[in-house]
């Protein structure tokens, strides 16, 4: 750019014979100019003249030559001055362009939006733990105390609502976009919490828990999609772990508030009313959040998408990002209606299979069973308070999630997923050995607690956050909502099955055998991750989609 600008400037000078091309350097141009001047200064041939005439002409010639040289020197100085200005401006332009290309806004512009969206996962975690302590008080006040089936039904209704919510969320995100879908999602979350809090019968508590589950099912799909689509490529893994951190904080908050229910039998109503407050905040706050630029492009609102990209990723990313997104949309189709039947076509069927399998293996690896049994495990080493034991588990879970914020980008998704499941396998082996081998009781109990803690940490640092992030990363822009809906539906079905049959299997085959099964599924998950997943770290969603779709119109870029 600098060389072309310099040559163009010299072209404008009439007395300058341009001997160079656009690729000439300033030094070569000046050399050619000096050469031209030297040629002009050579004395021309002259006829024989008288001495006096010759002297007169010589004087006139000398005067003219002196004037001409002075004029040429002035022009040369003027030209060199202009050339210097052009060189300086060219360098300045290059520096400015180079700085624009190197501009990286980092993770900070997208962080508030990702953090705010993670508050939905906070409600997810809150409602998971909110009934753990007070369920006895709820059953006593509503008239089904001692009926384990009805107590289990309260939990199962929540999961049933989550299943319905996850299935319906694909339609919501395709039609409304994440931002509006989030706002719609706050309706069942708020209503469900209020109905549950003021319930005076079993039917009312079941209806309230179903609505809460419905809202939770929707947001477990929306949160990873939204964060993956607004996050800069370099920081998508870091920002994606915020959803797992939100879940952990929600569980801890509900368990901490639930401690008071041991002394106040009516406290459960208060903590359920509290659950409605974040819903109001989220409904209002999402009005000021940005929409996914991918969805905006798909909806034909490219101007808005450009503004979002400028705000979150920087002006230098606009052209490349819009070009890639539009290329993918042209290949996939721009309409907002996606059929479930499209998940039967390649490459969508492959991604749907990976998503469903990862969530199936995650749940059958037994995290909910281990969490359920952790209170008894901690009681064996003297921690008799179930609330205190649950808090220990909750903080271990949080520590694992926090470590994932660093490991996600350092190790990559695939390596972290495999390492996490191998760690869970080793942890289950330690617990099984502590239960089965003839060791002293105190040593066995300590090893059981250590194995349980390690298992929860390994899960939270990899298997938990990676599964929720890698599926939207692998999915196409067109089918991302439907694939996440399907995958989370599998998650809730398997979650229900583990919760329904864990105790029965433990009573029939023993805890050691069930934990050995959990370890086996963890090993299967590590193997599956090795052979079927691909690394997505450092690649844009469009690059990943292009690489997975051999029929992409633009080819792999």
Protein backbone atom coordinates (compact mmCIF):
# COMPACT_ATOMS: atom_id res chain seq x y z
CA UNK A 1 0.00 0.00 0.00
CA UNK A 2 2.86 2.38 0.86
CA UNK A 3 4.74 1.77 -2.41
CA UNK A 4 1.68 2.25 -4.58
CA UNK A 5 0.77 5.48 -2.77
CA UNK A 6 4.30 6.89 -3.25
CA UNK A 7 4.44 6.14 -6.98
CA UNK A 8 1.00 7.62 -7.48
CA UNK A 9 2.11 10.86 -5.83
CA UNK A 10 5.16 11.13 -8.10
CA UNK A 11 2.99 10.51 -11.13
CA UNK A 12 1.24 13.79 -10.48
CA UNK A 13 4.42 15.84 -11.07
CA UNK A 14 4.58 16.89 -14.76
CA UNK A 15 8.38 17.10 -15.08
CA UNK A 16 8.89 13.71 -13.47
CA UNK A 17 9.52 10.83 -15.90
CA UNK A 18 7.95 7.81 -14.20
CA UNK A 19 10.31 4.93 -14.99
CA UNK A 20 9.16 2.53 -12.28
CA UNK A 21 6.15 0.29 -11.75
CA UNK A 22 3.73 0.25 -8.81
CA UNK A 23 6.20 -1.94 -6.98
CA UNK A 24 9.08 0.62 -7.17
CA UNK A 25 10.64 1.70 -3.94
CA UNK A 26 10.94 5.41 -3.00
CA UNK A 27 14.76 5.21 -3.29
CA UNK A 28 14.60 3.89 -6.87
CA UNK A 29 12.08 6.56 -7.85
CA UNK A 30 14.35 9.34 -6.55
CA UNK A 31 17.34 7.81 -8.38
CA UNK A 32 15.43 7.87 -11.67
CA UNK A 33 14.46 11.47 -11.02
CA UNK A 34 18.10 12.49 -10.45
CA UNK A 35 19.09 10.65 -13.61
CA UNK A 36 16.53 12.65 -15.58
CA UNK A 37 17.82 15.93 -14.16
CA UNK A 38 21.42 15.05 -14.99
CA UNK A 39 20.46 14.44 -18.61
CA UNK A 40 18.82 17.84 -18.84
CA UNK A 41 21.96 19.53 -17.54
CA UNK A 42 24.20 18.35 -20.42
CA UNK A 43 25.31 21.15 -22.82
CA UNK A 44 23.71 20.91 -26.26
CA UNK A 45 25.69 21.24 -29.47
CA UNK A 46 26.10 24.88 -30.82
CA UNK A 47 27.15 26.59 -34.05
CA UNK A 48 30.30 28.64 -34.49
CA UNK A 49 29.83 32.25 -33.27
CA UNK A 50 31.93 35.45 -32.94
CA UNK A 51 33.77 35.97 -29.71
CA UNK A 52 31.60 38.83 -28.50
CA UNK A 53 28.39 37.09 -29.48
CA UNK A 54 29.63 33.95 -27.91
CA UNK A 55 30.46 35.75 -24.67
CA UNK A 56 27.03 37.39 -24.62
CA UNK A 57 25.31 34.12 -25.31
CA UNK A 58 27.49 32.40 -22.77
CA UNK A 59 26.55 34.97 -20.14
CA UNK A 60 22.87 34.66 -21.01
CA UNK A 61 23.18 30.89 -21.04
CA UNK A 62 24.94 30.90 -17.68
CA UNK A 63 22.27 33.17 -16.22
CA UNK A 64 19.47 31.03 -17.60
CA UNK A 65 21.25 27.89 -16.49
CA UNK A 66 21.65 29.31 -13.00
CA UNK A 67 17.98 30.29 -12.91
CA UNK A 68 17.00 26.88 -14.26
CA UNK A 69 19.13 25.10 -11.69
CA UNK A 70 17.61 27.19 -8.90
CA UNK A 71 14.13 26.42 -10.20
CA UNK A 72 14.93 22.73 -10.50
CA UNK A 73 16.38 22.70 -6.98
CA UNK A 74 13.21 24.32 -5.67
CA UNK A 75 11.08 21.79 -7.54
CA UNK A 76 13.29 18.96 -6.30
CA UNK A 77 12.96 20.16 -2.70
CA UNK A 78 9.23 20.50 -3.14
CA UNK A 79 9.01 17.03 -4.64
CA UNK A 80 11.13 15.46 -1.92
CA UNK A 81 9.00 17.20 0.70
CA UNK A 82 5.85 15.80 -0.88
CA UNK A 83 7.47 12.40 -1.18
CA UNK A 84 8.38 12.47 2.50
CA UNK A 85 4.80 13.33 3.39
CA UNK A 86 3.51 10.46 1.25
CA UNK A 87 5.94 8.02 2.87
CA UNK A 88 4.93 9.19 6.34
CA UNK A 89 1.23 8.97 5.54
CA UNK A 90 1.71 5.54 4.03
CA UNK A 91 3.50 4.26 7.11
CA UNK A 92 0.84 5.78 9.33
CA UNK A 93 -1.88 4.12 7.26
CA UNK A 94 -0.15 0.76 7.52
CA UNK A 95 0.23 1.13 11.27
CA UNK A 96 -3.41 2.04 11.67
CA UNK A 97 -4.57 -0.84 9.49
CA UNK A 98 -2.28 -3.22 11.29
CA UNK A 99 -3.58 -2.12 14.66
CA UNK A 100 -7.18 -2.57 13.47
CA UNK A 101 -6.43 -6.11 12.36
CA UNK A 102 -4.76 -6.90 15.66
CA UNK A 103 -7.57 -5.43 17.76
CA UNK A 104 -8.92 -8.01 20.19
CA UNK A 105 -11.66 -6.81 22.50
CA UNK A 106 -11.16 -9.93 24.63
CA UNK A 107 -13.84 -11.60 26.69
CA UNK A 108 -15.01 -8.54 28.61
CA UNK A 109 -17.67 -7.16 26.17
CA UNK A 110 -19.47 -10.52 26.00
CA UNK A 111 -18.96 -11.39 29.67
CA UNK A 112 -21.91 -9.44 31.17
CA UNK A 113 -24.35 -11.04 28.72
CA UNK A 114 -22.98 -14.55 29.27
CA UNK A 115 -23.01 -14.01 33.03
CA UNK A 116 -26.58 -12.72 32.97
CA UNK A 117 -27.74 -15.67 30.87
CA UNK A 118 -26.06 -17.99 33.39
CA UNK A 119 -28.52 -16.72 36.01
CA UNK A 120 -31.05 -18.99 34.31
CA UNK A 121 -28.78 -21.90 35.18
CA UNK A 122 -28.61 -20.51 38.70
CA UNK A 123 -32.38 -21.13 38.87
CA UNK A 124 -31.79 -24.60 37.42
CA UNK A 125 -29.40 -25.43 40.26
CA UNK A 126 -31.61 -23.72 42.83
CA UNK A 127 -34.66 -25.80 41.94
CA UNK A 128 -32.59 -29.00 41.89
CA UNK A 129 -31.57 -28.51 45.52
CA UNK A 130 -34.50 -26.55 46.93
CA UNK A 131 -36.60 -29.63 47.79
CA UNK A 132 -33.78 -31.76 49.22
CA UNK A 133 -34.07 -30.59 52.82
CA UNK A 134 -37.69 -29.37 53.09
CA UNK A 135 -39.36 -32.35 51.35
CA UNK A 136 -40.24 -33.89 54.74
CA UNK A 137 -41.86 -30.63 55.91
CA UNK A 138 -43.70 -30.27 52.59
CA UNK A 139 -45.04 -33.83 52.81
CA UNK A 140 -46.14 -33.35 56.41
CA UNK A 141 -47.95 -30.06 55.77
CA UNK A 142 -49.63 -31.21 52.55
CA UNK A 143 -50.72 -34.58 53.91
CA UNK A 144 -48.53 -37.20 52.24
CA UNK A 145 -45.90 -37.71 54.96
CA UNK A 146 -44.24 -41.12 54.85
CA UNK A 147 -45.46 -41.85 51.31
CA UNK A 148 -42.19 -42.31 49.44
CA UNK A 149 -44.02 -42.71 46.12
CA UNK A 150 -45.66 -39.29 46.38
CA UNK A 151 -42.43 -37.71 47.59
CA UNK A 152 -40.73 -39.16 44.54
CA UNK A 153 -43.60 -37.93 42.36
CA UNK A 154 -42.88 -34.33 43.38
CA UNK A 155 -39.34 -34.78 42.07
CA UNK A 156 -40.44 -36.71 38.98
CA UNK A 157 -42.98 -34.04 38.02
CA UNK A 158 -40.18 -31.50 37.92
CA UNK A 159 -38.19 -33.76 35.57
CA UNK A 160 -41.28 -34.35 33.41
CA UNK A 161 -41.75 -30.61 33.01
CA UNK A 162 -38.07 -30.23 32.11
CA UNK A 163 -38.45 -32.89 29.40
CA UNK A 164 -41.40 -31.03 27.84
CA UNK A 165 -39.53 -27.73 28.12
CA UNK A 166 -36.42 -29.06 26.41
CA UNK A 167 -38.46 -30.47 23.51
CA UNK A 168 -40.34 -27.19 22.99
CA UNK A 169 -37.29 -24.94 23.30
CA UNK A 170 -36.04 -25.72 19.79
CA UNK A 171 -39.15 -24.15 18.30
CA UNK A 172 -38.87 -21.10 20.56
CA UNK A 173 -35.25 -20.34 19.75
CA UNK A 174 -35.79 -20.82 16.00
CA UNK A 175 -38.83 -18.53 15.90
CA UNK A 176 -38.07 -15.90 18.55
CA UNK A 177 -34.32 -15.94 18.98
CA UNK A 178 -32.61 -16.52 22.31
CA UNK A 179 -33.37 -13.14 23.85
CA UNK A 180 -37.16 -13.29 23.44
CA UNK A 181 -37.21 -17.00 24.23
CA UNK A 182 -35.47 -16.24 27.54
CA UNK A 183 -38.15 -13.69 28.38
CA UNK A 184 -40.94 -16.16 27.56
CA UNK A 185 -39.15 -18.74 29.70
CA UNK A 186 -39.40 -16.55 32.80
CA UNK A 187 -43.21 -16.96 32.79
CA UNK A 188 -43.31 -20.63 33.90
CA UNK A 189 -40.31 -20.08 36.18
CA UNK A 190 -42.03 -17.28 38.11
CA UNK A 191 -45.53 -18.80 38.09
CA UNK A 192 -44.24 -22.23 39.08
CA UNK A 193 -42.28 -20.85 42.03
CA UNK A 194 -45.25 -18.82 43.30
CA UNK A 195 -47.75 -21.68 42.89
CA UNK A 196 -45.38 -24.06 44.69
CA UNK A 197 -44.80 -21.58 47.51
CA UNK A 198 -48.50 -21.03 48.25
CA UNK A 199 -49.56 -24.66 47.63
CA UNK A 200 -52.05 -26.17 50.10
CA UNK A 201 -52.54 -29.50 48.37
CA UNK A 202 -50.57 -32.15 46.55
CA UNK A 203 -52.10 -31.14 43.21
CA UNK A 204 -50.93 -27.55 43.61
CA UNK A 205 -47.35 -28.47 44.50
CA UNK A 206 -47.24 -30.90 41.56
CA UNK A 207 -48.57 -28.26 39.17
CA UNK A 208 -46.07 -25.69 40.46
CA UNK A 209 -43.14 -28.09 40.18
CA UNK A 210 -44.18 -29.03 36.64
CA UNK A 211 -44.16 -25.37 35.57
CA UNK A 212 -40.78 -24.80 37.17
CA UNK A 213 -39.46 -27.89 35.39
CA UNK A 214 -40.88 -26.58 32.12
CA UNK A 215 -38.93 -23.35 32.52
CA UNK A 216 -35.76 -25.16 33.56
CA UNK A 217 -36.01 -27.48 30.54
CA UNK A 218 -36.16 -24.49 28.22
CA UNK A 219 -33.25 -22.61 29.76
CA UNK A 220 -30.94 -25.65 29.84
CA UNK A 221 -31.19 -25.56 26.04
CA UNK A 222 -31.11 -21.78 25.59
CA UNK A 223 -28.14 -20.91 27.81
CA UNK A 224 -25.44 -22.95 26.01
CA UNK A 225 -26.78 -21.90 22.60
CA UNK A 226 -26.82 -18.22 23.51
CA UNK A 227 -23.36 -18.17 25.08
CA UNK A 228 -21.78 -20.16 22.24
CA UNK A 229 -23.27 -17.78 19.64
CA UNK A 230 -22.30 -14.46 21.27
CA UNK A 231 -18.88 -15.44 22.64
CA UNK A 232 -15.70 -14.60 20.69
CA UNK A 233 -14.11 -17.75 19.31
CA UNK A 234 -11.01 -17.50 21.50
CA UNK A 235 -13.02 -17.18 24.72
CA UNK A 236 -16.02 -19.39 23.96
CA UNK A 237 -14.82 -22.17 26.25
CA UNK A 238 -14.16 -19.82 29.16
CA UNK A 239 -17.54 -18.08 28.83
CA UNK A 240 -19.29 -21.41 28.26
CA UNK A 241 -18.28 -22.65 31.71
CA UNK A 242 -20.25 -19.83 33.33
CA UNK A 243 -23.42 -21.88 32.88
CA UNK A 244 -21.95 -24.71 34.97
CA UNK A 245 -20.79 -22.22 37.60
CA UNK A 246 -24.31 -20.77 37.68
CA UNK A 247 -25.77 -24.22 38.30
CA UNK A 248 -23.30 -24.88 41.13
CA UNK A 249 -24.04 -21.54 42.79
CA UNK A 250 -27.77 -22.21 42.53
CA UNK A 251 -27.42 -25.58 44.24
CA UNK A 252 -25.27 -24.09 47.01
CA UNK A 253 -27.72 -21.22 47.55
CA UNK A 254 -30.71 -23.56 47.85
CA UNK A 255 -28.88 -25.91 50.21
CA UNK A 256 -27.67 -23.03 52.36
CA UNK A 257 -31.16 -21.54 52.61
CA UNK A 258 -32.60 -24.98 53.25
CA UNK A 259 -30.63 -25.42 56.48
CA UNK A 260 -33.17 -23.29 58.35
CA UNK A 261 -35.98 -25.65 57.31
CA UNK A 262 -34.71 -28.16 59.89
CA UNK A 263 -35.92 -25.82 62.65
CA UNK A 264 -38.79 -24.06 60.85
CA UNK A 265 -41.33 -26.44 59.21
CA UNK A 266 -42.86 -23.60 57.16
CA UNK A 267 -39.57 -22.24 55.85
CA UNK A 268 -39.98 -24.13 52.57
CA UNK A 269 -42.59 -21.61 51.44
CA UNK A 270 -40.14 -18.73 51.92
CA UNK A 271 -37.35 -20.31 49.90
CA UNK A 272 -39.78 -21.12 47.08
CA UNK A 273 -41.02 -17.52 47.04
CA UNK A 274 -37.38 -16.42 46.85
CA UNK A 275 -37.02 -18.50 43.68
CA UNK A 276 -39.47 -16.20 41.88
CA UNK A 277 -37.34 -13.06 42.35
CA UNK A 278 -34.57 -13.91 39.83
CA UNK A 279 -37.26 -14.60 37.23
CA UNK A 280 -38.53 -11.01 37.41
CA UNK A 281 -34.98 -9.67 37.20
CA UNK A 282 -34.18 -11.84 34.19
CA UNK A 283 -37.35 -10.89 32.33
CA UNK A 284 -36.49 -7.19 32.62
CA UNK A 285 -32.74 -7.57 32.14
CA UNK A 286 -33.06 -9.55 28.92
CA UNK A 287 -34.71 -6.51 27.35
CA UNK A 288 -31.26 -4.88 27.39
CA UNK A 289 -29.28 -7.95 26.29
CA UNK A 290 -27.93 -8.44 22.78
CA UNK A 291 -29.41 -10.99 20.41
CA UNK A 292 -27.33 -13.73 18.83
CA UNK A 293 -25.74 -12.34 15.61
CA UNK A 294 -26.21 -15.75 13.98
CA UNK A 295 -29.95 -15.71 14.58
CA UNK A 296 -30.18 -12.07 13.44
CA UNK A 297 -28.52 -12.95 10.12
CA UNK A 298 -30.81 -15.95 9.72
CA UNK A 299 -33.81 -13.68 10.37
CA UNK A 300 -32.63 -11.22 7.70
CA UNK A 301 -31.54 -8.55 10.20
CA UNK A 302 -27.92 -8.26 9.10
CA UNK A 303 -27.58 -4.59 10.08
CA UNK A 304 -28.39 -5.47 13.69
CA UNK A 305 -26.00 -8.43 13.53
CA UNK A 306 -23.20 -6.11 12.38
CA UNK A 307 -23.76 -3.81 15.35
CA UNK A 308 -23.72 -6.75 17.78
CA UNK A 309 -20.48 -8.09 16.27
CA UNK A 310 -18.85 -4.65 16.49
CA UNK A 311 -19.87 -4.41 20.13
CA UNK A 312 -18.82 -7.90 21.22
CA UNK A 313 -15.98 -8.92 18.89
CA UNK A 314 -14.65 -5.65 17.47
CA UNK A 315 -14.99 -3.77 14.14
CA UNK A 316 -12.16 -5.75 12.53
CA UNK A 317 -14.18 -8.96 12.86
CA UNK A 318 -17.33 -7.70 11.12
CA UNK A 319 -16.56 -8.48 7.46
CA UNK A 320 -15.12 -11.93 8.07
CA UNK A 321 -17.83 -12.94 10.55
CA UNK A 322 -20.73 -11.74 8.40
CA UNK A 323 -19.27 -13.38 5.30
CA UNK A 324 -18.87 -16.74 7.07
CA UNK A 325 -22.31 -16.59 8.68
CA UNK A 326 -23.99 -15.66 5.40
CA UNK A 327 -22.14 -18.44 3.58
CA UNK A 328 -23.42 -20.98 6.08
CA UNK A 329 -26.95 -19.60 5.87
CA UNK A 330 -26.90 -19.77 2.06
CA UNK A 331 -25.83 -23.39 2.32
CA UNK A 332 -28.31 -24.37 5.04
CA UNK A 333 -31.28 -22.23 4.00
CA UNK A 334 -32.42 -18.96 5.52
CA UNK A 335 -35.93 -19.92 6.66
CA UNK A 336 -36.52 -20.06 10.42
CA UNK A 337 -38.60 -23.24 10.34
CA UNK A 338 -36.52 -26.35 10.96
CA UNK A 339 -38.16 -29.76 10.78
CA UNK A 340 -37.32 -32.54 13.22
CA UNK A 341 -36.92 -34.79 10.17
CA UNK A 342 -33.81 -32.83 9.20
CA UNK A 343 -32.04 -34.47 12.14
CA UNK A 344 -32.21 -37.71 10.14
CA UNK A 345 -30.03 -36.21 7.39
CA UNK A 346 -26.24 -35.95 7.34
CA UNK A 347 -24.38 -34.27 8.93
CA UNK A 348 -27.17 -33.33 11.38
CA UNK A 349 -27.92 -36.95 12.25
CA UNK A 350 -24.30 -37.53 13.24
CA UNK A 351 -24.25 -34.51 15.57
CA UNK A 352 -27.64 -35.46 17.05
CA UNK A 353 -26.29 -38.96 17.73
CA UNK A 354 -23.18 -37.53 19.43
CA UNK A 355 -25.29 -35.14 21.52
CA UNK A 356 -27.77 -37.78 22.64
CA UNK A 357 -25.02 -40.31 23.38
CA UNK A 358 -22.94 -37.85 25.40
CA UNK A 359 -25.87 -36.93 27.64
CA UNK A 360 -26.92 -40.57 28.00
CA UNK A 361 -23.42 -41.58 29.07
CA UNK A 362 -23.15 -38.54 31.33
CA UNK A 363 -26.28 -39.50 33.26
CA UNK A 364 -25.56 -43.25 33.32
CA UNK A 365 -22.10 -42.43 34.66
CA UNK A 366 -24.12 -41.83 37.80
CA UNK A 367 -23.57 -38.27 38.90
CA UNK A 368 -27.08 -37.96 40.37
CA UNK A 369 -26.79 -41.30 42.13
CA UNK A 370 -23.43 -40.34 43.63
CA UNK A 371 -24.82 -36.98 44.76
CA UNK A 372 -27.84 -38.69 46.30
CA UNK A 373 -25.72 -41.22 48.19
CA UNK A 374 -23.06 -38.66 49.22
CA UNK A 375 -24.92 -37.73 52.44
CA UNK A 376 -24.64 -41.31 53.70
CA UNK A 377 -21.00 -41.47 52.62
CA UNK A 378 -20.13 -38.31 54.55
CA UNK A 379 -22.14 -39.52 57.55
CA UNK A 380 -19.76 -42.49 57.83
CA UNK A 381 -16.88 -40.11 58.55
CA UNK A 382 -18.79 -38.08 61.13
CA UNK A 383 -20.58 -35.45 59.00
CA UNK A 384 -24.08 -36.37 60.15
CA UNK A 385 -25.87 -33.22 58.95
CA UNK A 386 -27.23 -33.89 55.47
CA UNK A 387 -27.28 -30.15 54.75
CA UNK A 388 -23.61 -29.78 55.71
CA UNK A 389 -22.69 -32.83 53.64
CA UNK A 390 -24.57 -31.41 50.66
CA UNK A 391 -22.76 -28.09 51.05
CA UNK A 392 -19.40 -29.90 51.01
CA UNK A 393 -20.46 -31.57 47.77
CA UNK A 394 -21.71 -28.26 46.39
CA UNK A 395 -18.44 -26.43 47.03
CA UNK A 396 -16.46 -29.30 45.50
CA UNK A 397 -18.70 -29.04 42.45
CA UNK A 398 -18.05 -25.30 42.28
CA UNK A 399 -14.28 -25.78 42.57
CA UNK A 400 -14.36 -28.17 39.62
CA UNK A 401 -16.42 -25.74 37.53
CA UNK A 402 -14.02 -22.89 38.30
CA UNK A 403 -11.06 -25.00 37.19
CA UNK A 404 -12.88 -25.67 33.92
CA UNK A 405 -12.77 -21.95 33.06
CA UNK A 406 -9.00 -22.33 32.66
CA UNK A 407 -8.80 -25.90 31.39
CA UNK A 408 -11.43 -25.47 28.68
CA UNK A 409 -9.16 -23.28 26.54
CA UNK A 410 -5.87 -24.70 27.80
CA UNK A 411 -6.55 -28.40 27.23
CA UNK A 412 -9.33 -28.22 24.66
CA UNK A 413 -12.81 -29.73 24.80
CA UNK A 414 -11.99 -33.24 23.64
CA UNK A 415 -8.96 -33.76 25.89
CA UNK A 416 -10.78 -32.32 28.89
CA UNK A 417 -13.82 -34.51 28.28
CA UNK A 418 -11.74 -37.69 28.03
CA UNK A 419 -9.57 -36.80 31.03
CA UNK A 420 -12.63 -35.97 33.10
CA UNK A 421 -14.27 -39.34 32.48
CA UNK A 422 -11.03 -41.22 33.11
CA UNK A 423 -10.76 -39.38 36.44
CA UNK A 424 -14.35 -40.33 37.26
CA UNK A 425 -13.54 -43.96 36.40
CA UNK A 426 -10.56 -43.96 38.77
CA UNK A 427 -12.66 -42.31 41.49
CA UNK A 428 -15.36 -44.98 41.26
CA UNK A 429 -12.68 -47.66 41.35
CA UNK A 430 -11.37 -46.12 44.57
CA UNK A 431 -14.83 -46.10 46.18
CA UNK A 432 -15.57 -49.67 45.08
CA UNK A 433 -12.21 -50.82 46.49
CA UNK A 434 -12.89 -49.05 49.79
CA UNK A 435 -16.26 -50.79 50.08
CA UNK A 436 -15.26 -54.25 48.85
CA UNK A 437 -11.71 -54.81 50.09
CA UNK A 438 -11.01 -55.92 53.68
CA UNK A 439 -9.65 -52.66 55.08
CA UNK A 440 -10.19 -50.96 58.42
CA UNK A 441 -13.51 -49.16 58.68
CA UNK A 442 -12.01 -45.72 59.23
CA UNK A 443 -9.65 -46.12 56.29
CA UNK A 444 -12.46 -47.43 54.09
CA UNK A 445 -14.75 -44.53 55.02
CA UNK A 446 -12.01 -42.00 54.35
CA UNK A 447 -11.28 -43.55 50.94
CA UNK A 448 -14.99 -43.50 50.12
CA UNK A 449 -15.23 -39.79 50.90
CA UNK A 450 -12.04 -39.10 48.93
CA UNK A 451 -13.31 -41.07 45.94
CA UNK A 452 -16.70 -39.34 46.06
CA UNK A 453 -15.09 -35.90 46.26
CA UNK A 454 -12.72 -36.69 43.40
CA UNK A 455 -15.59 -37.98 41.28
CA UNK A 456 -17.62 -34.79 41.75
CA UNK A 457 -14.60 -32.59 41.04
CA UNK A 458 -13.70 -34.46 37.85
CA UNK A 459 -17.31 -34.32 36.67
CA UNK A 460 -17.62 -30.57 37.26
CA UNK A 461 -14.29 -29.82 35.58
CA UNK A 462 -15.05 -31.67 32.34
CA UNK A 463 -17.98 -34.01 31.79
CA UNK A 464 -20.48 -31.41 33.04
CA UNK A 465 -19.49 -28.20 31.21
CA UNK A 466 -17.92 -29.75 28.10
CA UNK A 467 -21.02 -31.78 27.22
CA UNK A 468 -23.21 -28.69 27.36
CA UNK A 469 -20.78 -26.65 25.25
CA UNK A 470 -19.49 -29.03 22.60
CA UNK A 471 -22.93 -29.98 21.27
CA UNK A 472 -23.94 -26.45 20.17
CA UNK A 473 -20.40 -26.02 18.81
CA UNK A 474 -20.77 -29.10 16.61
CA UNK A 475 -24.32 -28.25 15.52
CA UNK A 476 -25.13 -26.26 12.40
CA UNK A 477 -26.72 -22.82 12.62
CA UNK A 478 -29.90 -24.20 11.09
CA UNK A 479 -30.38 -27.21 13.40
CA UNK A 480 -28.64 -26.05 16.59
CA UNK A 481 -31.91 -25.47 18.45
CA UNK A 482 -33.42 -28.82 17.47
CA UNK A 483 -30.25 -30.81 18.21
CA UNK A 484 -29.91 -29.23 21.64
CA UNK A 485 -33.60 -29.90 22.32
CA UNK A 486 -33.17 -33.56 21.40
CA UNK A 487 -29.95 -33.94 23.40
CA UNK A 488 -31.40 -32.37 26.54
CA UNK A 489 -34.56 -34.46 26.19
CA UNK A 490 -32.32 -37.54 26.33
CA UNK A 491 -30.62 -36.01 29.37
CA UNK A 492 -33.90 -35.64 31.28
CA UNK A 493 -35.13 -39.13 30.39
CA UNK A 494 -31.88 -40.68 31.62
CA UNK A 495 -31.91 -38.41 34.68
CA UNK A 496 -35.36 -39.76 35.55
CA UNK A 497 -34.30 -43.40 35.03
CA UNK A 498 -31.25 -43.07 37.29
CA UNK A 499 -33.26 -41.36 40.02
CA UNK A 500 -36.08 -43.90 39.74
CA UNK A 501 -34.02 -47.09 39.86
CA UNK A 502 -30.82 -46.16 41.71
CA UNK A 503 -32.01 -47.13 45.20
CA UNK A 504 -33.70 -50.27 43.93
CA UNK A 505 -30.53 -51.41 42.17
CA UNK A 506 -28.40 -50.53 45.21
CA UNK A 507 -30.64 -52.62 47.47
CA UNK A 508 -30.65 -55.55 45.08
CA UNK A 509 -27.01 -55.66 43.95
CA UNK A 510 -25.23 -53.55 46.56
CA UNK A 511 -23.75 -50.06 46.39
CA UNK A 512 -20.35 -51.35 45.27
CA UNK A 513 -21.85 -53.08 42.22
CA UNK A 514 -23.84 -50.00 41.22
CA UNK A 515 -20.78 -47.77 41.62
CA UNK A 516 -18.78 -50.23 39.53
CA UNK A 517 -21.43 -49.81 36.84
CA UNK A 518 -21.03 -46.04 37.07
CA UNK A 519 -17.30 -46.47 36.60
CA UNK A 520 -17.92 -48.69 33.57
CA UNK A 521 -20.13 -46.06 31.94
CA UNK A 522 -17.51 -43.41 32.69
CA UNK A 523 -14.92 -45.49 30.85
CA UNK A 524 -17.33 -45.97 27.96
CA UNK A 525 -17.86 -42.20 27.83
CA UNK A 526 -14.10 -41.58 27.65
CA UNK A 527 -13.82 -44.09 24.80
CA UNK A 528 -16.78 -42.54 22.99
CA UNK A 529 -15.28 -39.07 23.34
CA UNK A 530 -11.98 -40.28 21.88
CA UNK A 531 -13.50 -41.87 18.77
CA UNK A 532 -16.55 -39.71 18.03
CA UNK A 533 -15.90 -36.13 19.14
CA UNK A 534 -13.68 -33.57 17.43
CA UNK A 535 -11.72 -30.69 18.90
CA UNK A 536 -13.53 -27.36 18.63
CA UNK A 537 -11.14 -25.10 20.55
CA UNK A 538 -10.06 -22.00 18.65
CA UNK A 539 -12.44 -22.56 15.71
CA UNK A 540 -15.47 -20.43 14.89
CA UNK A 541 -18.87 -22.11 14.76
CA UNK A 542 -18.92 -21.60 10.99
CA UNK A 543 -15.50 -23.21 10.54
CA UNK A 544 -16.64 -26.23 12.54
CA UNK A 545 -19.83 -26.52 10.49
CA UNK A 546 -17.91 -26.27 7.20
CA UNK A 547 -15.50 -29.01 8.28
CA UNK A 548 -18.33 -31.38 9.26
CA UNK A 549 -20.39 -30.79 6.12
CA UNK A 550 -18.63 -32.12 2.98
CA UNK A 551 -21.40 -30.69 0.79
CA UNK A 552 -20.89 -27.13 1.99
CA UNK A 553 -21.20 -24.77 -0.96
CA UNK A 554 -18.07 -22.83 -0.17
CA UNK A 555 -15.98 -25.84 0.68
CA UNK A 556 -13.66 -25.97 3.63
CA UNK A 557 -12.04 -22.63 4.21
